[in-house]
Every structure is written in C-alpha cells, then in structure tokens.
Amino acid sequence: MPHLGSWIRECDDALFGRFLAAHPEITLHNARLGPVDPATLDGLLVTGGPDISIGFHHVPIEHPELIKDPEPERDAWEFAAVRSAVQRGLPILAICKGVQVLNVALGGTLHLDIRGHDLPEMKSQNVQPLRFDASARHRFEKVNSSHHQALDRVADGLEVEAWHAGDDTIEQVRLRHYPWGVGVQYHPERDTIYASLFEDFFAQLQ
C-alpha cells in the first residue's frame, strides 16, 4: 500500500480527493494535519499555496513586500520532503507553488512578481495556451494557470517541457535523468481533463 505525502490546504481537499478516490490503495498523509516523516513516504505531491518564505530563497530579496502570506512551517516541511524524495528517487508531482518549491529546493530562483498571469478567469478556465518541447510526455493545449510568481533560473536538475505561448513563462518541467518527476505551474486538480497526469503519477507509486 503506497504512502503519499503532501501538504494540502483545506480549500483544496475535495479537489485532490476526487482523483485519489479512485485509488483506495494509496494512503495520503497530509502534513497540514500532523507530523509526516518524509523518510516513510513512497511519493510526494507538492501543491499550491502562498509564496515561499524569504529564508528559503538562495538570493537576496530586495523587495520583501512581494512575498505574499508566507507559511514558514509549511515551507520547512516541503523543502525537506522534496530533498528527501529526490535523494531516494521517489515519484514527485509538483503543482503551482509546488513547482516553485521544487525549483528553489534544487537551487533555482523565481521571478517574484509577474504581470498578467493571475486574472480571475485563469483560475477556473483553461484559457492559457502552451508551447511544448518535443519530448514532453504530458501535453494540454490550454491550461488554467493563475500565479503572480514564476520560475526564473531553472535548477540544474530540471528540464523545461512547456512555456506560455505568448511570453515564454515556464509552465511545466521534469526532473532530468530521474524515474518520474513532473512540475506544473497550472492547476490540474481543478479540472478532470488533467486526469491522465494524476493517473500517470499514481501508477508510479509503489
């Protein structure tokens, strides 16, 4: 029975729950609800949330006011969980803030404030067109990407798979030379059209 670790906000419980409902063999351990030891996990789901706390960035933050509603306790758990999972080669799916955590934890940096990527319709509608690398395994023509931060310098261990078709903002990455690790800036938990991404991830858990 695979053990999947995550930190899922209460407002997102039902969204992820509908994908997990088809897999009763997977035990979800939500670190928001209590201690979860990353060493006991078989896979990691890193989800959306507020901005990464200043202390976890590798570069000086000249404008700390750009960091919105940080949660240092959550960041501490997620950064430790990502590094543990990567070291052990566990399956990782990182979503929205999660792909930013993945990038920063592996040595990358972020654009702390970008324009035009957090309009209301972007939260629930698949309106943002993507441009894909030829090697991308998961492809969605338009996505529901809503965020005010984005990947800047990509960590050495990551490979970019997709960009915003208009301004080349990074929207999807994979872990290079790794069994299974995908990070997306958009929100697949909000629409069942992304079920294939979750099914592929769940199939890797052992």
Protein backbone atom coordinates (compact mmCIF):
# COMPACT_ATOMS: atom_id res chain seq x y z
CA MET A 1 0.00 0.00 0.00
CA PRO A 2 1.80 3.19 -1.18
CA HIS A 3 2.17 6.12 1.20
CA LEU A 4 1.80 9.53 -0.47
CA GLY A 5 2.92 12.66 1.36
CA SER A 6 1.64 16.18 0.80
CA TRP A 7 0.64 19.45 2.45
CA ILE A 8 -2.85 20.20 1.13
CA ARG A 9 -4.85 23.27 2.08
CA GLU A 10 -8.32 22.67 3.47
CA CYS A 11 -9.82 24.51 0.49
CA ASP A 12 -8.17 22.00 -1.87
CA ASP A 13 -9.04 18.78 -0.03
CA ALA A 14 -12.04 17.96 -2.19
CA LEU A 15 -10.26 18.80 -5.46
CA PHE A 16 -7.44 16.33 -4.86
CA GLY A 17 -9.82 13.92 -3.16
CA ARG A 18 -11.79 13.25 -6.33
CA PHE A 19 -8.65 11.98 -8.08
CA LEU A 20 -7.50 9.96 -5.08
CA ALA A 21 -10.96 8.41 -4.61
CA ALA A 22 -10.28 6.03 -7.50
CA HIS A 23 -7.19 4.72 -5.70
CA PRO A 24 -8.11 3.38 -2.26
CA GLU A 25 -4.78 1.54 -2.24
CA ILE A 26 -2.97 4.88 -1.77
CA THR A 27 -2.72 6.27 1.76
CA LEU A 28 -2.48 10.07 1.81
CA HIS A 29 -0.53 11.71 4.64
CA ASN A 30 -1.38 15.42 4.84
CA ALA A 31 1.31 17.28 6.81
CA ARG A 32 -1.12 20.12 7.44
CA LEU A 33 -2.97 17.81 9.82
CA GLY A 34 0.00 16.43 11.74
CA PRO A 35 3.64 15.32 11.57
CA VAL A 36 4.66 13.36 8.48
CA ASP A 37 8.16 11.89 8.24
CA PRO A 38 9.40 12.23 4.62
CA ALA A 39 11.52 9.11 5.12
CA THR A 40 8.37 6.97 5.37
CA LEU A 41 6.86 8.06 2.04
CA ASP A 42 6.63 6.35 -1.34
CA GLY A 43 5.80 9.50 -3.30
CA LEU A 44 5.38 13.25 -2.93
CA LEU A 45 2.62 15.62 -4.07
CA VAL A 46 3.63 19.28 -3.66
CA THR A 47 0.58 21.51 -4.04
CA GLY A 48 -0.43 25.15 -4.44
CA GLY A 49 -0.32 27.73 -1.69
CA PRO A 50 1.15 31.08 -0.62
CA ASP A 51 4.58 32.38 -1.59
CA ILE A 52 7.79 30.74 -0.39
CA SER A 53 9.16 32.35 2.77
CA ILE A 54 12.14 34.67 2.34
CA GLY A 55 14.54 32.46 4.28
CA PHE A 56 14.29 29.60 1.76
CA HIS A 57 15.47 31.61 -1.26
CA HIS A 58 19.10 31.41 -2.43
CA VAL A 59 19.36 35.08 -3.38
CA PRO A 60 18.77 38.35 -1.50
CA ILE A 61 15.16 39.53 -1.66
CA GLU A 62 15.32 43.25 -2.44
CA HIS A 63 11.56 43.75 -2.18
CA PRO A 64 10.24 41.55 0.65
CA GLU A 65 6.80 43.12 0.25
CA LEU A 66 6.39 40.97 -2.87
CA ILE A 67 6.28 37.81 -0.73
CA LYS A 68 2.58 37.20 -0.01
CA ASP A 69 1.30 35.32 3.07
CA PRO A 70 4.32 33.01 3.63
CA GLU A 71 4.00 29.92 5.82
CA PRO A 72 7.49 29.05 7.14
CA GLU A 73 6.33 25.84 8.84
CA ARG A 74 4.87 24.52 5.62
CA ASP A 75 7.94 25.59 3.64
CA ALA A 76 10.26 23.80 6.07
CA TRP A 77 8.34 20.55 5.64
CA GLU A 78 8.03 20.81 1.85
CA PHE A 79 11.68 21.68 1.26
CA ALA A 80 12.80 18.78 3.45
CA ALA A 81 10.31 16.44 1.76
CA VAL A 82 11.43 17.44 -1.75
CA ARG A 83 15.10 16.90 -0.97
CA SER A 84 14.38 13.56 0.69
CA ALA A 85 12.23 12.42 -2.23
CA VAL A 86 14.80 13.43 -4.85
CA GLN A 87 17.59 11.71 -2.94
CA ARG A 88 15.54 8.49 -2.88
CA GLY A 89 14.25 8.77 -6.46
CA LEU A 90 10.58 8.85 -5.43
CA PRO A 91 7.79 9.91 -7.80
CA ILE A 92 7.09 13.65 -7.45
CA LEU A 93 4.21 15.74 -8.80
CA ALA A 94 4.62 19.45 -8.04
CA ILE A 95 1.77 21.89 -8.72
CA CYS A 96 1.76 25.73 -8.84
CA LYS A 97 3.65 26.78 -5.70
CA GLY A 98 4.90 23.20 -5.68
CA VAL A 99 6.90 23.61 -8.90
CA GLN A 100 8.42 26.76 -7.40
CA VAL A 101 9.38 24.84 -4.25
CA LEU A 102 10.88 22.08 -6.41
CA ASN A 103 12.93 24.60 -8.39
CA VAL A 104 14.18 26.58 -5.39
CA ALA A 105 14.91 23.44 -3.33
CA LEU A 106 17.18 22.23 -6.14
CA GLY A 107 18.99 25.56 -6.49
CA GLY A 108 16.84 27.59 -8.89
CA THR A 109 15.33 31.06 -8.48
CA LEU A 110 11.99 32.79 -9.04
CA HIS A 111 10.52 35.87 -10.63
CA LEU A 112 8.85 37.30 -7.52
CA ASP A 113 6.14 39.27 -9.30
CA ILE A 114 4.91 38.96 -12.88
CA ARG A 115 2.01 40.66 -14.63
CA GLY A 116 -0.97 39.24 -16.45
CA HIS A 117 -0.90 35.70 -15.06
CA ASP A 118 -3.40 36.00 -12.21
CA LEU A 119 -6.57 37.20 -13.92
CA PRO A 120 -9.81 35.80 -12.43
CA GLU A 121 -10.73 33.68 -15.45
CA MET A 122 -7.34 31.94 -15.33
CA LYS A 123 -8.20 30.27 -12.02
CA SER A 124 -11.01 28.07 -13.29
CA GLN A 125 -10.93 28.19 -17.10
CA ASN A 126 -8.44 26.54 -19.43
CA VAL A 127 -7.62 29.68 -21.40
CA GLN A 128 -3.81 29.89 -21.42
CA PRO A 129 -2.16 28.32 -24.50
CA LEU A 130 1.11 26.45 -24.06
CA ARG A 131 4.13 25.75 -26.26
CA PHE A 132 5.70 22.32 -25.65
CA ASP A 133 9.12 20.77 -26.02
CA ALA A 134 9.03 17.79 -28.36
CA SER A 135 9.92 15.41 -25.52
CA ALA A 136 7.04 16.44 -23.22
CA ARG A 137 5.05 13.39 -22.11
CA HIS A 138 2.01 15.30 -20.85
CA ARG A 139 0.50 17.91 -23.15
CA PHE A 140 -2.54 20.10 -22.58
CA GLU A 141 -3.28 22.65 -25.30
CA LYS A 142 -4.68 25.24 -22.87
CA VAL A 143 -4.39 25.35 -19.09
CA ASN A 144 -5.83 27.11 -16.03
CA SER A 145 -2.64 28.80 -14.85
CA SER A 146 -3.05 31.53 -12.22
CA HIS A 147 0.01 32.85 -10.36
CA HIS A 148 1.99 36.02 -9.62
CA GLN A 149 5.39 34.34 -9.34
CA ALA A 150 7.19 32.07 -11.79
CA LEU A 151 10.41 30.16 -12.39
CA ASP A 152 13.39 32.32 -13.33
CA ARG A 153 16.72 30.46 -13.28
CA VAL A 154 15.89 26.80 -13.69
CA ALA A 155 17.66 24.40 -11.32
CA ASP A 156 20.31 22.20 -12.91
CA GLY A 157 18.28 19.07 -12.19
CA LEU A 158 15.21 20.27 -14.11
CA GLU A 159 14.33 20.34 -17.81
CA VAL A 160 11.66 22.71 -19.17
CA GLU A 161 8.81 20.96 -21.01
CA ALA A 162 6.33 23.79 -21.66
CA TRP A 163 6.09 27.56 -21.81
CA HIS A 164 3.30 30.14 -22.03
CA ALA A 165 2.75 30.51 -25.78
CA GLY A 166 2.71 34.30 -25.55
CA ASP A 167 5.54 35.33 -23.23
CA ASP A 168 7.53 32.11 -22.59
CA THR A 169 6.79 31.97 -18.86
CA ILE A 170 7.77 28.46 -17.75
CA GLU A 171 4.69 26.30 -17.16
CA GLN A 172 5.97 22.71 -16.99
CA VAL A 173 9.23 20.97 -16.07
CA ARG A 174 10.50 17.47 -15.44
CA LEU A 175 13.31 16.14 -13.32
CA ARG A 176 16.25 15.28 -15.57
CA HIS A 177 17.62 11.70 -15.52
CA TYR A 178 15.01 10.75 -12.94
CA PRO A 179 12.45 7.91 -12.73
CA TRP A 180 9.34 10.16 -12.60
CA GLY A 181 9.17 13.81 -11.57
CA VAL A 182 6.90 16.48 -13.09
CA GLY A 183 6.23 20.06 -12.06
CA VAL A 184 3.46 22.25 -13.49
CA GLN A 185 2.67 25.90 -12.85
CA TYR A 186 -1.01 25.38 -13.68
CA HIS A 187 -3.71 23.68 -11.56
CA PRO A 188 -4.60 20.16 -12.79
CA GLU A 189 -6.54 19.45 -9.59
CA ARG A 190 -9.25 21.90 -10.72
CA ASP A 191 -10.41 20.02 -13.83
CA THR A 192 -10.83 16.36 -14.71
CA ILE A 193 -9.33 16.94 -18.18
CA TYR A 194 -5.99 16.57 -16.39
CA ALA A 195 -6.84 13.11 -15.03
CA SER A 196 -4.18 11.46 -17.21
CA LEU A 197 -1.45 13.38 -15.36
CA PHE A 198 -2.69 12.18 -11.98
CA GLU A 199 -3.18 8.62 -13.24
CA ASP A 200 0.37 8.50 -14.57
CA PHE A 201 1.68 9.81 -11.23
CA PHE A 202 -0.37 7.38 -9.15
CA ALA A 203 0.81 4.48 -11.31
CA GLN A 204 4.39 5.20 -10.26
CA LEU A 205 3.66 4.81 -6.54
CA GLN A 206 4.80 1.52 -5.06
